[in-house]
C-alpha atoms as a PDB file:
ATOM      1  CA  MET A   1       0.063  -0.161  -0.306  1.00  0.00           C
ATOM      2  CA  PHE A   2       2.690   2.546   1.059  1.00  0.00           C
ATOM      3  CA  ASP A   3       5.473   2.506  -1.583  1.00  0.00           C
ATOM      4  CA  ASP A   4       4.917  -1.310  -1.927  1.00  0.00           C
ATOM      5  CA  PRO A   5       7.523  -2.249  -4.541  1.00  0.00           C
ATOM      6  CA  GLU A   6       4.693  -4.470  -6.210  1.00  0.00           C
ATOM      7  CA  ASN A   7       1.810  -1.978  -5.963  1.00  0.00           C
ATOM      8  CA  GLN A   8       2.675   1.658  -6.286  1.00  0.00           C
ATOM      9  CA  GLY A   9       0.888   3.134  -3.069  1.00  0.00           C
ATOM     10  CA  VAL A  10      -1.720   5.643  -2.656  1.00  0.00           C
ATOM     11  CA  PHE A  11       0.641   7.931  -0.766  1.00  0.00           C
ATOM     12  CA  ASP A  12       3.889   8.849  -2.006  1.00  0.00           C
ATOM     13  CA  PHE A  13       6.618   9.967   0.094  1.00  0.00           C
ATOM     14  CA  ASP A  14       8.147  12.613  -1.659  1.00  0.00           C
ATOM     15  CA  GLU A  15       4.582  14.565  -2.181  1.00  0.00           C
ATOM     16  CA  LEU A  16       3.954  14.313   1.708  1.00  0.00           C
ATOM     17  CA  ALA A  17       7.418  15.447   2.312  1.00  0.00           C
ATOM     18  CA  ASP A  18       6.575  18.673  -0.027  1.00  0.00           C
ATOM     19  CA  GLN A  19       3.689  19.356   1.909  1.00  0.00           C
ATOM     20  CA  LEU A  20       5.333  19.157   5.044  1.00  0.00           C
ATOM     21  CA  LEU A  21       8.108  21.573   3.738  1.00  0.00           C
ATOM     22  CA  GLU A  22       5.654  24.242   2.582  1.00  0.00           C
ATOM     23  CA  GLN A  23       4.089  24.298   6.086  1.00  0.00           C
ATOM     24  CA  GLY A  24       7.645  24.453   7.671  1.00  0.00           C
ATOM     25  CA  ALA A  25       6.886  21.126   9.782  1.00  0.00           C
ATOM     26  CA  GLU A  26       9.907  19.376  10.886  1.00  0.00           C
ATOM     27  CA  ALA A  27       8.404  15.883  10.787  1.00  0.00           C
ATOM     28  CA  SER A  28       9.054  13.746   8.167  1.00  0.00           C
ATOM     29  CA  PRO A  29       6.517  11.613   6.311  1.00  0.00           C
ATOM     30  CA  ALA A  30       8.065   8.375   7.859  1.00  0.00           C
ATOM     31  CA  GLN A  31       7.874   9.889  11.552  1.00  0.00           C
ATOM     32  CA  ILE A  32       4.173  10.496  10.823  1.00  0.00           C
ATOM     33  CA  HIS A  33       3.292   7.144   9.365  1.00  0.00           C
ATOM     34  CA  GLY A  34       5.207   5.729  12.187  1.00  0.00           C
ATOM     35  CA  CYS A  35       3.244   7.642  14.729  1.00  0.00           C
ATOM     36  CA  LEU A  36      -0.017   6.856  13.107  1.00  0.00           C
ATOM     37  CA  SER A  37       0.671   3.309  12.935  1.00  0.00           C
ATOM     38  CA  GLY A  38       1.682   3.224  16.656  1.00  0.00           C
ATOM     39  CA  LEU A  39      -1.630   5.023  17.712  1.00  0.00           C
ATOM     40  CA  LEU A  40      -3.584   2.452  15.489  1.00  0.00           C
ATOM     41  CA  ALA A  41      -1.425  -0.656  16.927  1.00  0.00           C
ATOM     42  CA  ALA A  42      -2.293   0.599  20.552  1.00  0.00           C
ATOM     43  CA  ALA A  43      -5.521   2.239  20.449  1.00  0.00           C
ATOM     44  CA  ASP A  44      -8.865   2.613  18.660  1.00  0.00           C
ATOM     45  CA  LEU A  45      -9.002   6.423  17.820  1.00  0.00           C
ATOM     46  CA  ASP A  46     -12.255   6.854  16.591  1.00  0.00           C
ATOM     47  CA  SER A  47     -11.201   9.588  13.923  1.00  0.00           C
ATOM     48  CA  GLY A  48      -8.495  11.353  11.713  1.00  0.00           C
ATOM     49  CA  GLU A  49      -9.104  14.576  13.690  1.00  0.00           C
ATOM     50  CA  ARG A  50      -7.895  12.907  17.056  1.00  0.00           C
ATOM     51  CA  ALA A  51      -4.960  11.525  15.234  1.00  0.00           C
ATOM     52  CA  LEU A  52      -4.176  15.022  14.225  1.00  0.00           C
ATOM     53  CA  ASP A  53      -4.391  16.019  17.826  1.00  0.00           C
ATOM     54  CA  ALA A  54      -2.065  13.473  19.046  1.00  0.00           C
ATOM     55  CA  LEU A  55       0.362  14.113  15.906  1.00  0.00           C
ATOM     56  CA  ALA A  56       0.443  17.829  17.224  1.00  0.00           C
ATOM     57  CA  GLY A  57       1.171  16.663  20.678  1.00  0.00           C
ATOM     58  CA  GLY A  58       3.791  14.064  19.885  1.00  0.00           C
ATOM     59  CA  LEU A  59       5.506  15.466  16.961  1.00  0.00           C
ATOM     60  CA  GLN A  60       4.674  19.145  17.383  1.00  0.00           C
ATOM     61  CA  LEU A  61       2.921  18.982  14.147  1.00  0.00           C
ATOM     62  CA  VAL A  62       0.045  21.247  13.606  1.00  0.00           C
ATOM     63  CA  ALA A  63      -1.418  20.246  10.159  1.00  0.00           C
ATOM     64  CA  GLN A  64      -3.553  22.901   8.208  1.00  0.00           C
ATOM     65  CA  GLY A  65      -5.345  22.918   5.199  1.00  0.00           C
ATOM     66  CA  GLN A  66      -4.444  20.015   2.503  1.00  0.00           C
ATOM     67  CA  LEU A  67      -1.720  18.632   4.779  1.00  0.00           C
ATOM     68  CA  ALA A  68      -4.372  17.910   7.441  1.00  0.00           C
ATOM     69  CA  GLU A  69      -6.517  16.253   4.965  1.00  0.00           C
ATOM     70  CA  THR A  70      -3.899  14.273   3.456  1.00  0.00           C
ATOM     71  CA  ILE A  71      -2.911  13.024   7.001  1.00  0.00           C
ATOM     72  CA  MET A  72      -6.560  12.059   7.988  1.00  0.00           C
ATOM     73  CA  GLN A  73      -6.553  10.346   4.603  1.00  0.00           C
ATOM     74  CA  LEU A  74      -3.417   8.398   5.625  1.00  0.00           C
ATOM     75  CA  TYR A  75      -4.684   7.566   9.076  1.00  0.00           C
ATOM     76  CA  ALA A  76      -7.889   6.059   7.640  1.00  0.00           C
ATOM     77  CA  ALA A  77      -5.807   4.156   4.818  1.00  0.00           C
ATOM     78  CA  THR A  78      -3.601   2.892   7.689  1.00  0.00           C
ATOM     79  CA  ALA A  79      -6.144   1.820   9.314  1.00  0.00           C
ATOM     80  CA  THR A  80      -7.838  -0.196   6.702  1.00  0.00           C
ATOM     81  CA  ALA A  81      -4.229  -1.584   5.567  1.00  0.00           C
ATOM     82  CA  LEU A  82      -3.835  -2.901   9.465  1.00  0.00           C
ATOM     83  CA  ALA A  83      -6.846  -4.738   9.172  1.00  0.00           C
ATOM     84  CA  ASP A  84      -6.500  -6.187   5.741  1.00  0.00           C
ATOM     85  CA  GLU A  85      -6.475 -10.086   5.715  1.00  0.00           C
ATOM     86  CA  ALA A  86      -4.065  -9.643   2.887  1.00  0.00           C
ATOM     87  CA  LEU A  87      -1.516  -8.055   5.131  1.00  0.00           C
ATOM     88  CA  GLY A  88      -1.330  -5.041   2.717  1.00  0.00           C
ATOM     89  CA  PHE A  89       0.430  -2.734   5.154  1.00  0.00           C
ATOM     90  CA  TYR A  90       3.664  -1.557   4.802  1.00  0.00           C
ATOM     91  CA  PRO A  91       5.625   1.506   6.414  1.00  0.00           C
ATOM     92  CA  LEU A  92       5.589   4.657   4.199  1.00  0.00           C
ATOM     93  CA  LEU A  93       9.327   4.987   3.363  1.00  0.00           C
ATOM     94  CA  PRO A  94      11.437   6.664   0.685  1.00  0.00           C
ATOM     95  CA  ASP A  95      11.640   4.775  -2.786  1.00  0.00           C
ATOM     96  CA  ASP A  96      14.379   2.282  -3.216  1.00  0.00           C
ATOM     97  CA  GLU A  97      15.951   4.504  -5.879  1.00  0.00           C
ATOM     98  CA  GLN A  98      17.008   6.935  -2.770  1.00  0.00           C
ATOM     99  CA  PRO A  99      20.259   6.416  -1.272  1.00  0.00           C
ATOM    100  CA  ILE A 100      20.598   3.579   1.429  1.00  0.00           C
ATOM    101  CA  ASP A 101      21.597   6.412   4.078  1.00  0.00           C
ATOM    102  CA  THR A 102      18.556   8.292   3.382  1.00  0.00           C
ATOM    103  CA  ARG A 103      16.255   5.282   3.541  1.00  0.00           C
ATOM    104  CA  ALA A 104      17.834   4.188   6.743  1.00  0.00           C
ATOM    105  CA  GLN A 105      17.339   7.648   8.351  1.00  0.00           C
ATOM    106  CA  ALA A 106      13.666   7.348   7.216  1.00  0.00           C
ATOM    107  CA  PHE A 107      13.296   3.964   8.644  1.00  0.00           C
ATOM    108  CA  ALA A 108      14.813   5.030  11.987  1.00  0.00           C
ATOM    109  CA  GLY A 109      12.496   8.087  12.077  1.00  0.00           C
ATOM    110  CA  TRP A 110       9.596   5.525  11.377  1.00  0.00           C
ATOM    111  CA  CYS A 111      10.470   3.638  14.171  1.00  0.00           C
ATOM    112  CA  GLU A 112      10.891   6.646  16.357  1.00  0.00           C
ATOM    113  CA  GLY A 113       7.464   7.709  15.181  1.00  0.00           C
ATOM    114  CA  PHE A 114       5.853   4.418  16.167  1.00  0.00           C
ATOM    115  CA  GLY A 115       7.078   4.494  19.580  1.00  0.00           C
ATOM    116  CA  THR A 116       5.628   8.061  19.982  1.00  0.00           C
ATOM    117  CA  GLY A 117       2.359   6.934  18.715  1.00  0.00           C
ATOM    118  CA  ILE A 118       2.411   4.021  21.241  1.00  0.00           C
ATOM    119  CA  GLY A 119       3.288   6.357  24.205  1.00  0.00           C
ATOM    120  CA  LEU A 120       0.468   8.837  23.000  1.00  0.00           C
ATOM    121  CA  ALA A 121      -2.039   6.173  22.832  1.00  0.00           C
ATOM    122  CA  ALA A 122      -1.063   4.752  26.269  1.00  0.00           C
ATOM    123  CA  ALA A 123      -1.506   8.530  27.687  1.00  0.00           C
ATOM    124  CA  ALA A 124      -4.630   9.276  25.979  1.00  0.00           C
ATOM    125  CA  PRO A 125      -7.626  10.401  27.810  1.00  0.00           C
ATOM    126  CA  GLY A 126      -9.668   7.435  29.153  1.00  0.00           C
ATOM    127  CA  ALA A 127      -7.114   5.047  27.864  1.00  0.00           C
ATOM    128  CA  GLU A 128      -6.784   1.740  29.373  1.00  0.00           C
ATOM    129  CA  THR A 129      -3.367   0.555  30.538  1.00  0.00           C
ATOM    130  CA  ARG A 130      -2.297  -1.997  27.824  1.00  0.00           C
ATOM    131  CA  GLN A 131      -0.737  -5.279  28.949  1.00  0.00           C
ATOM    132  CA  TRP A 132       1.360  -6.492  26.157  1.00  0.00           C
ATOM    133  CA  SER A 133       2.240 -10.189  25.697  1.00  0.00           C
ATOM    134  CA  PRO A 134       6.030 -11.047  26.277  1.00  0.00           C
ATOM    135  CA  GLU A 135       6.439 -11.392  22.607  1.00  0.00           C
ATOM    136  CA  ALA A 136       4.872  -7.792  22.007  1.00  0.00           C
ATOM    137  CA  GLU A 137       7.084  -6.347  24.391  1.00  0.00           C
ATOM    138  CA  GLU A 138       9.993  -7.889  22.619  1.00  0.00           C
ATOM    139  CA  ILE A 139       8.805  -6.560  19.271  1.00  0.00           C
ATOM    140  CA  LEU A 140       8.281  -2.967  20.935  1.00  0.00           C
ATOM    141  CA  GLU A 141      11.968  -3.334  22.271  1.00  0.00           C
ATOM    142  CA  ASP A 142      13.334  -4.277  18.744  1.00  0.00           C
ATOM    143  CA  ILE A 143      11.351  -1.282  17.204  1.00  0.00           C
ATOM    144  CA  ALA A 144      13.145   0.966  19.824  1.00  0.00           C
ATOM    145  CA  VAL A 145      16.452  -0.371  19.023  1.00  0.00           C
ATOM    146  CA  MET A 146      15.570   0.050  15.382  1.00  0.00           C
ATOM    147  CA  SER A 147      14.818   3.614  15.768  1.00  0.00           C
ATOM    148  CA  GLN A 148      18.827   3.935  15.836  1.00  0.00           C
ATOM    149  CA  ALA A 149      19.441   2.400  12.741  1.00  0.00           C
ATOM    150  CA  TYR A 150      22.270   3.845  10.457  1.00  0.00           C
ATOM    151  CA  VAL A 151      24.229   2.441   7.788  1.00  0.00           C
ATOM    152  CA  ASP A 152      27.872   1.670   8.495  1.00  0.00           C
ATOM    153  CA  GLU A 153      30.147   3.231   6.238  1.00  0.00           C
ATOM    154  CA  GLN A 154      32.790   0.367   6.271  1.00  0.00           C
ATOM    155  CA  GLY A 155      32.472  -2.348   3.709  1.00  0.00           C
ATOM    156  CA  ARG A 156      29.429  -0.645   1.453  1.00  0.00           C
ATOM    157  CA  ASP A 157      28.487  -3.577  -0.721  1.00  0.00           C
ATOM    158  CA  ASP A 158      25.265  -5.146  -1.249  1.00  0.00           C
ATOM    159  CA  GLU A 159      24.908  -6.149   2.725  1.00  0.00           C
ATOM    160  CA  PRO A 160      23.456  -2.836   3.567  1.00  0.00           C
ATOM    161  CA  GLU A 161      20.514  -3.125   1.133  1.00  0.00           C
ATOM    162  CA  GLU A 162      19.732  -6.714   2.014  1.00  0.00           C
ATOM    163  CA  SER A 163      19.811  -5.731   5.733  1.00  0.00           C
ATOM    164  CA  TYR A 164      17.538  -2.874   4.912  1.00  0.00           C
ATOM    165  CA  THR A 165      15.215  -4.810   3.063  1.00  0.00           C
ATOM    166  CA  GLU A 166      15.156  -7.619   5.818  1.00  0.00           C
ATOM    167  CA  LEU A 167      14.590  -4.861   8.619  1.00  0.00           C
ATOM    168  CA  VAL A 168      11.549  -3.263   6.795  1.00  0.00           C
ATOM    169  CA  GLU A 169       9.890  -6.714   6.264  1.00  0.00           C
ATOM    170  CA  TYR A 170      10.572  -7.575   9.902  1.00  0.00           C
ATOM    171  CA  LEU A 171       8.937  -4.096  11.141  1.00  0.00           C
ATOM    172  CA  ARG A 172       6.020  -4.780   8.432  1.00  0.00           C
ATOM    173  CA  ILE A 173       5.110  -7.993  10.093  1.00  0.00           C
ATOM    174  CA  ALA A 174       5.767  -7.031  13.689  1.00  0.00           C
ATOM    175  CA  VAL A 175       3.618  -4.080  13.352  1.00  0.00           C
ATOM    176  CA  LEU A 176       0.929  -6.234  11.950  1.00  0.00           C
ATOM    177  CA  ASN A 177       1.440  -8.496  14.920  1.00  0.00           C
ATOM    178  CA  LEU A 178       1.065  -5.666  17.574  1.00  0.00           C
ATOM    179  CA  TYR A 179      -2.086  -4.471  15.872  1.00  0.00           C
ATOM    180  CA  LEU A 180      -3.669  -8.170  15.830  1.00  0.00           C
ATOM    181  CA  GLU A 181      -2.827  -8.397  19.578  1.00  0.00           C
ATOM    182  CA  ARG A 182      -4.897  -5.219  20.296  1.00  0.00           C
ATOM    183  CA  LEU A 183      -7.693  -6.533  18.546  1.00  0.00           C
ATOM    184  CA  PRO A 184     -10.303  -8.750  20.905  1.00  0.00           C
ATOM    185  CA  ALA A 185     -10.158 -12.497  20.368  1.00  0.00           C
ATOM    186  CA  GLU A 186     -12.973 -13.715  18.166  1.00  0.00           C
ATOM    187  CA  PRO A 187     -14.961 -16.484  19.741  1.00  0.00           C
ATOM    188  CA  ILE A 188     -14.637 -19.737  18.128  1.00  0.00           C
ATOM    189  CA  ASP A 189     -17.697 -21.289  16.703  1.00  0.00           C
ATOM    190  CA  ASP A 190     -17.074 -25.047  17.066  1.00  0.00           C
ATOM    191  CA  GLY A 191     -20.715 -26.287  16.646  1.00  0.00           C
ATOM    192  CA  ILE A 192     -21.351 -27.175  20.075  1.00  0.00           C
ATOM    193  CA  THR A 193     -24.236 -25.939  22.059  1.00  0.00           C
ATOM    194  CA  ARG A 194     -23.426 -25.469  25.839  1.00  0.00           C
ATOM    195  CA  HIS A 195     -26.000 -25.223  28.507  1.00  0.00           C
END
């Protein structure tokens, strides 16, 4: 969905970056999408407007006009992608044509934004204390570590590309797992009537 190499996404990283630049925002598209994804993985915000409020508090981003509309659309599309049974969720990151350093920096920003979103969801008015499973706690720790990602300047061959691709795929599946853990378990219909 988002810069998916097999399906050019609804949202383009560079277009959102241009909108942010026009409004003088310091947050990157990756940070914003990470934050929105974190909010969705940890809580059920009822609207894009509440997500905008959270971004204002967490990333000091006060979006107006077209940018606000785009972010609300991104929030709705992200919610849909996370709920998609075909696992259509992808982090919004720069295209593969960008230098690996640029992509690694955006990846780290995405992970940082995700952590911010998780924190904002926990601090939201009326939020219940979230009890993550041990597996989810480990995923959250991994994402926190990945927010420090960078490219080692030594031995620059295909290894950074391969590592980056593997990390993005791990992140994608990890976020889907966190989102699915948040959802209430569906009752199993085993056909047995109990009295």
